[in-house]
Amino acid sequence: MRLDELKSRADAFLGEAMQRGADEAEVGANYHVVDRIVFEKNDFQLASSNTTLTFSLEVHKDQRKGSASTNETKGIALGQSADAAMTLAGFSLPDEHLCFPEAQKHEDVPGRFDDELENLSPDKLRGIAADFLAAGRHESISIDGAELQVARAKEVIVNSNGLVAKDQATLLNWVISGMGKTESEVTSFDWFGGTSWKWDGSRERSLADAGVFKEKLLRCFGPQKGQSYEGKVLLAPAVLGELIFGPMQFHISGRQIMDGKSRWENDLGKHVASDCLTLLDDPFDLDLSSAAPYDAEGVAKRKTSIIEKGLLKTHLDSTYTAKRRGTVSTGHAGGLKGISVAPGDSSVEDLIAGTDKLVVVERFSGNLNPVTGDFSGVAKGSHWYEKGEYKHPLIETMIAGNFFDLMKSIVAVSSRADHYMNEYKSPWMLVDGVSVTAS
């Protein structure tokens, strides 16, 4: 389906809502074609090729909200869905802050649509899948699952304020999972993967990621017990999404501020983290799979400084939370889309060398309370160092601490920054004050 056809159908749905007396309305139209090849029965198979078309409608009438969705595009179906949305609005509670964004321009993000991926044949996808699997194989590794997926997406958002947001993108995803396994030993489970907006170069990148997966597992054989202590640990980028970025986003969210759950409501311009931490949201970074020109409401995205040398620079607002809080939308309906942490001056090896005893946490499996910031869980696939010298992989070891303390106890960040599965970009972080309990 062409973008202009998708927009025409979205406009028709919007018109049905306005004809039924909506004060304002918004329609989101999404067309997706996804081909998947999955590892099954010790080989890759063409698992599915799915096409979905969805139209979602939100209406506001007398400060009340109603919504409906449909995958039908005929006039009768659109009219029935509009009727349903208007009926639901009549039963909802009034909210004076309901609103949709105004019409605006969007900065294009070139490089997210590739003709080769758009027209990629199953045979080509199967070919790269076979090479990907081979790159992750080893006699001491049991591959539990693997998948390659190519997604072609077209999207339109229109509202009664004249906003029109149109986008199309192609994305190739790959992931592989499993564990090290010999006759006498089984390691912890792990996975790794990545994405590419284009076909060119994707084979090399996927093979490199399969190699990372294999190397991580092979380093986990022969684990031993470490030591219990409270002090420094080195956090790999794979850990930071859960221990740092997730709770950080919670406390800068306009929604959580609105609901009285954010501890950083009054901390703009104040130190909430170590001077070592500088973090921005860059929705135009094509190394990240969430790069996009606008947010979930169609509000234009822009580079946004979140934390600068430990100082909190912004809260995140949608159109709705901005109206309730008396601010302006930051284009973050749907949250952060391009987390990127500035690297430091020291190598990972230098960070390790400066410690007496150290757990390098490669993966975290546990719980974190976003309100209190308390976390505890198991450091998996992790490693033990003494006086900067590598000793051995660790038997699963407990770590515990608090997010707010952790943010202010970042000792240093590495000069090397990694793209964790193309979800975010970050250096390794050396933090202090973590409780380590050996098994």
Protein backbone atom coordinates (compact mmCIF):
# COMPACT_ATOMS: atom_id res chain seq x y z
CA MET A 1 0.00 0.00 0.00
CA ARG A 2 1.27 3.46 -0.91
CA LEU A 3 1.56 6.23 1.66
CA ASP A 4 -0.86 8.47 -0.24
CA GLU A 5 -3.48 5.69 -0.23
CA LEU A 6 -2.99 5.15 3.49
CA LYS A 7 -3.42 8.87 4.12
CA SER A 8 -6.57 8.99 2.01
CA ARG A 9 -8.16 6.25 4.12
CA ALA A 10 -7.05 7.95 7.35
CA ASP A 11 -8.61 11.21 6.16
CA ALA A 12 -11.86 9.37 5.46
CA PHE A 13 -11.91 7.92 8.98
CA LEU A 14 -11.22 11.37 10.44
CA GLY A 15 -14.07 12.80 8.38
CA GLU A 16 -16.49 10.16 9.68
CA ALA A 17 -15.68 11.18 13.26
CA MET A 18 -16.07 14.89 12.64
CA GLN A 19 -19.38 14.36 10.81
CA ARG A 20 -20.69 12.66 13.96
CA GLY A 21 -20.04 15.75 16.07
CA ALA A 22 -16.59 15.17 17.54
CA ASP A 23 -15.02 18.39 18.83
CA GLU A 24 -11.65 17.06 17.66
CA ALA A 25 -10.27 13.75 16.51
CA GLU A 26 -7.08 11.94 15.59
CA VAL A 27 -6.47 8.91 13.37
CA GLY A 28 -3.39 6.71 13.26
CA ALA A 29 -3.01 4.39 10.26
CA ASN A 30 -0.41 1.62 10.18
CA TYR A 31 0.47 -0.81 7.39
CA HIS A 32 3.05 -3.50 8.17
CA VAL A 33 4.49 -6.35 6.13
CA VAL A 34 6.74 -8.66 8.17
CA ASP A 35 8.67 -11.71 6.96
CA ARG A 36 10.18 -13.96 9.64
CA ILE A 37 12.63 -16.81 9.44
CA VAL A 38 13.12 -18.69 12.70
CA PHE A 39 15.46 -21.42 13.87
CA GLU A 40 13.43 -24.58 14.28
CA LYS A 41 14.31 -28.28 14.29
CA ASN A 42 17.99 -27.46 13.98
CA ASP A 43 17.51 -25.35 10.88
CA PHE A 44 15.93 -22.09 9.69
CA GLN A 45 12.42 -22.24 8.28
CA LEU A 46 10.26 -19.56 6.67
CA ALA A 47 7.94 -19.11 9.62
CA SER A 48 5.55 -16.47 8.37
CA SER A 49 4.85 -13.55 6.11
CA ASN A 50 2.21 -11.34 7.71
CA THR A 51 0.49 -8.21 6.48
CA THR A 52 -1.49 -6.04 8.89
CA LEU A 53 -3.50 -2.87 8.33
CA THR A 54 -4.84 -1.02 11.38
CA PHE A 55 -6.68 2.27 11.83
CA SER A 56 -7.08 3.73 15.33
CA LEU A 57 -9.36 6.63 16.17
CA GLU A 58 -9.53 8.87 19.23
CA VAL A 59 -12.31 11.44 19.58
CA HIS A 60 -12.92 14.23 22.10
CA LYS A 61 -16.48 15.38 22.71
CA ASP A 62 -17.45 17.75 25.54
CA GLN A 63 -14.04 17.10 27.16
CA ARG A 64 -14.64 13.34 27.11
CA LYS A 65 -12.56 10.75 25.27
CA GLY A 66 -13.57 7.75 23.20
CA SER A 67 -11.57 5.45 20.96
CA ALA A 68 -11.98 2.64 18.47
CA SER A 69 -9.92 0.70 15.97
CA THR A 70 -10.57 -1.27 12.81
CA ASN A 71 -8.78 -3.06 10.00
CA GLU A 72 -11.65 -2.45 7.61
CA THR A 73 -11.54 0.55 5.28
CA LYS A 74 -14.99 0.56 3.70
CA GLY A 75 -17.25 3.48 4.52
CA ILE A 76 -19.70 1.41 6.56
CA ALA A 77 -16.95 -0.06 8.78
CA LEU A 78 -15.34 3.34 9.33
CA GLY A 79 -18.70 4.84 10.21
CA GLN A 80 -19.47 2.07 12.68
CA SER A 81 -16.09 2.51 14.37
CA ALA A 82 -16.62 6.27 14.58
CA ASP A 83 -20.04 5.63 16.15
CA ALA A 84 -18.42 3.32 18.70
CA ALA A 85 -15.80 5.92 19.64
CA MET A 86 -18.44 8.62 20.08
CA THR A 87 -20.58 6.31 22.21
CA LEU A 88 -17.63 5.50 24.48
CA ALA A 89 -16.86 9.20 24.84
CA GLY A 90 -20.35 9.71 26.23
CA PHE A 91 -19.59 7.31 29.08
CA SER A 92 -16.09 8.54 29.97
CA LEU A 93 -15.20 11.03 32.69
CA PRO A 94 -14.65 14.65 31.59
CA ASP A 95 -11.05 15.87 31.40
CA GLU A 96 -10.39 19.52 30.62
CA HIS A 97 -6.83 18.76 29.54
CA LEU A 98 -7.69 16.55 26.59
CA CYS A 99 -6.00 17.87 23.45
CA PHE A 100 -4.27 16.98 20.21
CA PRO A 101 -1.10 18.63 18.87
CA GLU A 102 -1.25 21.46 16.36
CA ALA A 103 -0.10 21.15 12.75
CA GLN A 104 3.69 21.29 12.44
CA LYS A 105 6.64 20.44 10.24
CA HIS A 106 8.76 17.32 10.75
CA GLU A 107 12.46 16.96 10.08
CA ASP A 108 13.09 14.04 7.77
CA VAL A 109 15.32 11.18 8.92
CA PRO A 110 16.87 9.94 5.66
CA GLY A 111 18.28 6.43 5.50
CA ARG A 112 15.42 4.55 7.19
CA PHE A 113 13.89 3.22 3.98
CA ASP A 114 15.74 0.86 1.66
CA ASP A 115 14.39 -0.44 -1.65
CA GLU A 116 16.38 -3.66 -1.32
CA LEU A 117 14.79 -4.48 2.04
CA GLU A 118 11.38 -3.42 0.74
CA ASN A 119 11.66 -6.00 -2.05
CA LEU A 120 13.81 -8.58 -0.28
CA SER A 121 13.10 -12.13 -1.40
CA PRO A 122 12.69 -15.04 1.06
CA ASP A 123 15.72 -16.71 -0.54
CA LYS A 124 17.97 -13.76 0.29
CA LEU A 125 16.65 -13.66 3.84
CA ARG A 126 17.23 -17.39 4.19
CA GLY A 127 20.78 -16.97 2.88
CA ILE A 128 21.79 -14.40 5.47
CA ALA A 129 20.00 -16.46 8.13
CA ALA A 130 22.11 -19.52 7.35
CA ASP A 131 25.34 -17.49 7.58
CA PHE A 132 24.14 -15.86 10.82
CA LEU A 133 23.45 -19.23 12.42
CA ALA A 134 26.80 -20.63 11.28
CA ALA A 135 28.63 -17.66 12.82
CA GLY A 136 27.02 -18.36 16.19
CA ARG A 137 27.58 -22.12 16.18
CA HIS A 138 30.21 -23.89 18.27
CA GLU A 139 30.56 -27.45 19.49
CA SER A 140 30.21 -26.19 23.07
CA ILE A 141 27.14 -24.02 22.43
CA SER A 142 23.53 -25.15 22.32
CA ILE A 143 21.52 -22.69 20.24
CA ASP A 144 18.05 -22.41 21.69
CA GLY A 145 16.61 -20.01 19.14
CA ALA A 146 17.44 -17.60 16.36
CA GLU A 147 15.39 -15.35 14.14
CA LEU A 148 15.73 -12.90 11.29
CA GLN A 149 12.88 -10.56 10.50
CA VAL A 150 12.44 -7.91 7.84
CA ALA A 151 9.71 -5.36 8.54
CA ARG A 152 8.29 -2.83 6.09
CA ALA A 153 6.20 -0.17 7.78
CA LYS A 154 4.11 2.72 6.53
CA GLU A 155 2.41 5.07 8.98
CA VAL A 156 0.16 8.13 8.84
CA ILE A 157 -1.16 10.30 11.68
CA VAL A 158 -3.78 12.97 10.95
CA ASN A 159 -5.90 15.06 13.30
CA SER A 160 -8.58 17.72 13.09
CA ASN A 161 -6.06 20.47 13.89
CA GLY A 162 -4.48 19.95 10.48
CA LEU A 163 -1.56 17.80 11.64
CA VAL A 164 -0.26 15.38 9.03
CA ALA A 165 2.62 13.04 9.84
CA LYS A 166 3.73 10.45 7.27
CA ASP A 167 6.56 7.97 7.51
CA GLN A 168 7.84 4.78 5.94
CA ALA A 169 10.74 2.59 7.02
CA THR A 170 12.33 -0.81 6.51
CA LEU A 171 14.17 -2.65 9.25
CA LEU A 172 16.05 -5.93 9.36
CA ASN A 173 16.30 -7.53 12.82
CA TRP A 174 18.35 -10.51 13.98
CA VAL A 175 18.71 -12.26 17.34
CA ILE A 176 20.29 -15.49 18.55
CA SER A 177 20.00 -17.16 21.96
CA GLY A 178 21.31 -20.20 23.78
CA MET A 179 23.76 -21.47 26.35
CA GLY A 180 27.16 -23.04 26.61
CA LYS A 181 26.86 -26.80 27.01
CA THR A 182 29.30 -29.67 27.39
CA GLU A 183 28.98 -33.13 28.93
CA SER A 184 29.91 -31.74 32.33
CA GLU A 185 28.73 -28.13 32.35
CA VAL A 186 25.92 -25.82 31.29
CA THR A 187 26.34 -22.04 31.39
CA SER A 188 23.63 -19.46 31.98
CA PHE A 189 21.32 -18.56 29.12
CA ASP A 190 22.20 -15.51 26.97
CA TRP A 191 21.25 -13.76 23.75
CA PHE A 192 22.43 -11.04 21.38
CA GLY A 193 21.30 -9.35 18.18
CA GLY A 194 20.95 -6.15 16.23
CA THR A 195 19.20 -4.27 13.44
CA SER A 196 19.84 -2.51 10.16
CA TRP A 197 17.78 -0.01 8.20
CA LYS A 198 19.30 -1.23 4.93
CA TRP A 199 20.37 -4.45 3.24
CA ASP A 200 23.85 -3.26 2.34
CA GLY A 201 26.24 -4.21 5.13
CA SER A 202 23.63 -6.09 7.15
CA ARG A 203 25.23 -9.48 6.57
CA GLU A 204 28.57 -8.36 8.02
CA ARG A 205 26.91 -6.73 11.02
CA SER A 206 24.74 -9.74 11.78
CA LEU A 207 27.73 -12.09 11.59
CA ALA A 208 29.67 -9.84 13.96
CA ASP A 209 26.77 -9.93 16.45
CA ALA A 210 26.59 -13.73 16.22
CA GLY A 211 30.32 -13.75 16.99
CA VAL A 212 29.75 -11.58 20.08
CA PHE A 213 27.08 -14.00 21.26
CA LYS A 214 29.43 -16.96 20.82
CA GLU A 215 32.35 -15.24 22.54
CA LYS A 216 30.23 -14.24 25.54
CA LEU A 217 29.09 -17.80 26.13
CA LEU A 218 32.50 -19.40 25.67
CA ARG A 219 33.94 -17.06 28.32
CA CYS A 220 31.43 -18.38 30.88
CA PHE A 221 32.82 -21.91 31.22
CA GLY A 222 34.54 -22.81 34.47
CA PRO A 223 32.78 -20.36 36.80
CA GLN A 224 33.94 -20.05 40.37
CA LYS A 225 32.79 -18.28 43.49
CA GLY A 226 33.84 -14.68 43.96
CA GLN A 227 33.89 -12.63 47.15
CA SER A 228 31.21 -10.72 49.02
CA TYR A 229 31.88 -6.99 49.38
CA GLU A 230 30.32 -3.57 49.02
CA GLY A 231 31.98 -1.29 46.53
CA LYS A 232 32.69 -0.91 42.84
CA VAL A 233 31.26 -2.96 39.99
CA LEU A 234 31.63 -2.43 36.26
CA LEU A 235 28.33 -2.39 34.38
CA ALA A 236 28.28 -3.51 30.75
CA PRO A 237 25.95 -1.63 28.37
CA ALA A 238 23.58 -4.63 28.34
CA VAL A 239 22.82 -3.98 32.04
CA LEU A 240 22.18 -0.25 31.81
CA GLY A 241 18.75 -0.41 30.20
CA GLU A 242 17.26 -1.95 33.33
CA LEU A 243 19.42 -0.43 36.08
CA ILE A 244 19.88 3.11 34.72
CA PHE A 245 17.81 4.11 31.70
CA GLY A 246 14.50 2.54 32.74
CA PRO A 247 14.18 4.17 36.17
CA MET A 248 15.68 7.41 34.83
CA GLN A 249 12.94 7.64 32.23
CA PHE A 250 10.34 6.93 34.91
CA HIS A 251 11.42 9.89 37.03
CA ILE A 252 11.67 12.41 34.17
CA SER A 253 8.29 11.43 32.73
CA GLY A 254 5.61 14.10 32.80
CA ARG A 255 3.07 11.37 33.49
CA GLN A 256 4.84 10.27 36.68
CA ILE A 257 5.33 13.89 37.75
CA MET A 258 1.62 14.46 37.21
CA ASP A 259 0.79 11.44 39.36
CA GLY A 260 3.17 12.48 42.13
CA LYS A 261 5.49 9.49 41.67
CA SER A 262 8.61 11.24 40.41
CA ARG A 263 11.40 12.02 42.83
CA TRP A 264 12.88 14.47 40.30
CA GLU A 265 9.85 16.73 39.91
CA ASN A 266 11.68 19.76 41.34
CA ASP A 267 15.21 18.83 40.27
CA LEU A 268 15.62 20.57 36.90
CA GLY A 269 19.05 22.19 36.89
CA LYS A 270 20.16 20.17 39.88
CA HIS A 271 22.67 17.34 40.19
CA VAL A 272 20.87 14.02 39.97
CA ALA A 273 23.94 12.08 38.81
CA SER A 274 27.71 12.08 38.81
CA ASP A 275 29.54 14.65 36.70
CA CYS A 276 30.66 11.69 34.58
CA LEU A 277 27.19 11.26 33.09
CA THR A 278 26.04 13.16 30.01
CA LEU A 279 23.05 11.68 28.22
CA LEU A 280 20.90 12.86 25.33
CA ASP A 281 17.97 11.61 23.30
CA ASP A 282 18.97 11.55 19.63
CA PRO A 283 16.04 10.32 17.51
CA PHE A 284 18.05 10.88 14.31
CA ASP A 285 20.86 8.43 15.11
CA LEU A 286 20.57 5.70 12.47
CA ASP A 287 22.66 3.36 14.60
CA LEU A 288 19.54 3.01 16.77
CA SER A 289 16.48 1.04 15.75
CA SER A 290 14.03 3.59 17.20
CA ALA A 291 15.20 6.57 15.10
CA ALA A 292 12.08 8.47 14.00
CA PRO A 293 10.95 11.93 12.79
CA TYR A 294 8.05 12.29 15.24
CA ASP A 295 6.56 10.78 18.40
CA ALA A 296 3.42 8.68 18.89
CA GLU A 297 1.21 11.81 18.56
CA GLY A 298 2.92 13.15 15.46
CA VAL A 299 4.88 15.82 17.35
CA ALA A 300 8.25 16.53 15.73
CA LYS A 301 11.24 14.93 17.42
CA ARG A 302 14.47 16.80 18.14
CA LYS A 303 17.75 16.13 19.87
CA THR A 304 17.14 16.64 23.57
CA SER A 305 19.71 16.97 26.32
CA ILE A 306 18.53 14.90 29.27
CA ILE A 307 21.50 15.04 31.67
CA GLU A 308 24.61 17.22 31.22
CA LYS A 309 27.53 16.42 33.52
CA GLY A 310 25.11 15.17 36.13
CA LEU A 311 22.64 18.08 35.84
CA LEU A 312 19.03 17.24 34.97
CA LYS A 313 18.10 19.35 31.93
CA THR A 314 14.55 18.34 31.02
CA HIS A 315 11.37 16.48 31.83
CA LEU A 316 9.61 14.51 29.10
CA ASP A 317 6.14 15.63 28.06
CA SER A 318 3.46 14.57 25.63
CA THR A 319 0.86 17.08 24.44
CA TYR A 320 -1.51 15.96 27.19
CA THR A 321 0.95 16.01 30.11
CA ALA A 322 2.31 19.36 28.90
CA LYS A 323 -1.17 20.90 29.02
CA ARG A 324 -1.80 19.51 32.51
CA ARG A 325 1.58 20.69 33.78
CA GLY A 326 1.60 24.05 32.04
CA THR A 327 4.64 23.23 29.89
CA VAL A 328 5.13 22.37 26.20
CA SER A 329 5.41 18.97 24.57
CA THR A 330 8.98 17.76 24.19
CA GLY A 331 7.94 15.24 21.52
CA HIS A 332 8.13 12.30 23.89
CA ALA A 333 4.73 10.63 23.68
CA GLY A 334 5.97 7.06 23.78
CA GLY A 335 9.17 7.90 25.68
CA LEU A 336 12.82 8.23 24.72
CA LYS A 337 13.76 6.98 21.26
CA GLY A 338 17.51 7.50 20.97
CA ILE A 339 19.37 7.18 24.28
CA SER A 340 23.02 8.03 23.76
CA VAL A 341 25.55 8.42 26.59
CA ALA A 342 28.72 10.44 26.02
CA PRO A 343 31.92 8.35 26.37
CA GLY A 344 34.67 9.12 28.86
CA ASP A 345 38.45 9.21 28.61
CA SER A 346 39.51 5.82 29.97
CA SER A 347 39.53 2.42 28.29
CA VAL A 348 37.57 -0.46 29.80
CA GLU A 349 40.93 -2.03 30.69
CA ASP A 350 41.99 1.10 32.59
CA LEU A 351 38.74 1.13 34.55
CA ILE A 352 39.36 -2.47 35.60
CA ALA A 353 43.04 -1.89 36.37
CA GLY A 354 42.29 0.76 38.97
CA THR A 355 40.28 -1.55 41.22
CA ASP A 356 41.26 -3.90 44.04
CA LYS A 357 38.42 -6.36 43.52
CA LEU A 358 35.71 -6.08 40.93
CA VAL A 359 32.67 -7.82 39.50
CA VAL A 360 32.09 -7.05 35.83
CA VAL A 361 28.33 -7.37 35.40
CA GLU A 362 27.48 -8.56 31.88
CA ARG A 363 23.79 -9.27 32.48
CA PHE A 364 21.28 -8.59 35.27
CA SER A 365 18.30 -10.73 36.15
CA GLY A 366 16.25 -9.35 39.01
CA ASN A 367 13.87 -6.65 40.17
CA LEU A 368 13.99 -2.87 40.41
CA ASN A 369 11.31 -0.76 42.07
CA PRO A 370 11.12 2.40 39.92
CA VAL A 371 9.55 4.47 42.71
CA THR A 372 12.07 3.74 45.47
CA GLY A 373 14.96 2.88 43.13
CA ASP A 374 15.87 -0.27 45.09
CA PHE A 375 17.13 -3.19 43.02
CA SER A 376 18.42 -6.70 43.68
CA GLY A 377 19.09 -9.66 41.48
CA VAL A 378 21.63 -11.97 39.92
CA ALA A 379 24.68 -10.93 37.92
CA LYS A 380 24.74 -13.54 35.14
CA GLY A 381 27.51 -14.27 32.66
CA SER A 382 29.72 -12.05 34.78
CA HIS A 383 33.42 -12.06 35.69
CA TRP A 384 35.77 -11.61 38.66
CA TYR A 385 38.91 -9.42 38.73
CA GLU A 386 41.47 -8.83 41.49
CA LYS A 387 43.93 -5.93 41.39
CA GLY A 388 43.09 -5.42 37.73
CA GLU A 389 43.86 -9.04 36.81
CA TYR A 390 41.23 -11.33 35.33
CA LYS A 391 40.58 -14.38 37.50
CA HIS A 392 37.55 -16.33 36.28
CA PRO A 393 33.89 -16.23 35.31
CA LEU A 394 31.54 -16.07 38.25
CA ILE A 395 29.00 -18.45 39.61
CA GLU A 396 25.76 -16.50 39.64
CA THR A 397 26.29 -13.71 42.18
CA MET A 398 23.75 -11.43 43.88
CA ILE A 399 24.04 -7.67 43.52
CA ALA A 400 21.86 -5.03 45.19
CA GLY A 401 21.70 -1.28 45.50
CA ASN A 402 19.64 1.79 44.80
CA PHE A 403 19.19 3.60 41.50
CA PHE A 404 19.43 7.11 43.00
CA ASP A 405 22.64 6.24 44.86
CA LEU A 406 23.99 4.53 41.75
CA MET A 407 23.46 7.63 39.60
CA LYS A 408 25.55 9.75 41.95
CA SER A 409 28.18 7.03 42.40
CA ILE A 410 29.26 6.68 38.78
CA VAL A 411 33.02 6.79 39.13
CA ALA A 412 33.90 6.77 35.44
CA VAL A 413 32.60 5.82 32.00
CA SER A 414 34.69 4.17 29.31
CA SER A 415 35.93 5.74 26.10
CA ARG A 416 34.43 2.76 24.28
CA ALA A 417 30.71 3.06 23.58
CA ASP A 418 28.67 0.09 22.40
CA HIS A 419 25.30 -0.14 20.68
CA TYR A 420 23.37 -2.63 22.77
CA MET A 421 21.27 -4.51 20.19
CA ASN A 422 20.85 -1.10 18.50
CA GLU A 423 18.44 -0.07 21.27
CA TYR A 424 20.74 2.52 22.83
CA LYS A 425 24.37 3.62 22.74
CA SER A 426 26.45 3.70 25.90
CA PRO A 427 29.94 3.26 27.34
CA TRP A 428 30.66 0.88 30.22
CA MET A 429 30.06 2.41 33.65
CA LEU A 430 32.18 1.94 36.78
CA VAL A 431 29.89 2.52 39.78
CA ASP A 432 30.45 2.40 43.54
CA GLY A 433 28.35 1.42 46.55
CA VAL A 434 26.91 -1.82 45.17
CA SER A 435 26.40 -4.76 47.51
CA VAL A 436 27.89 -7.99 46.11
CA THR A 437 27.00 -11.31 47.70
CA ALA A 438 28.93 -14.37 46.54
CA SER A 439 26.91 -17.56 46.14
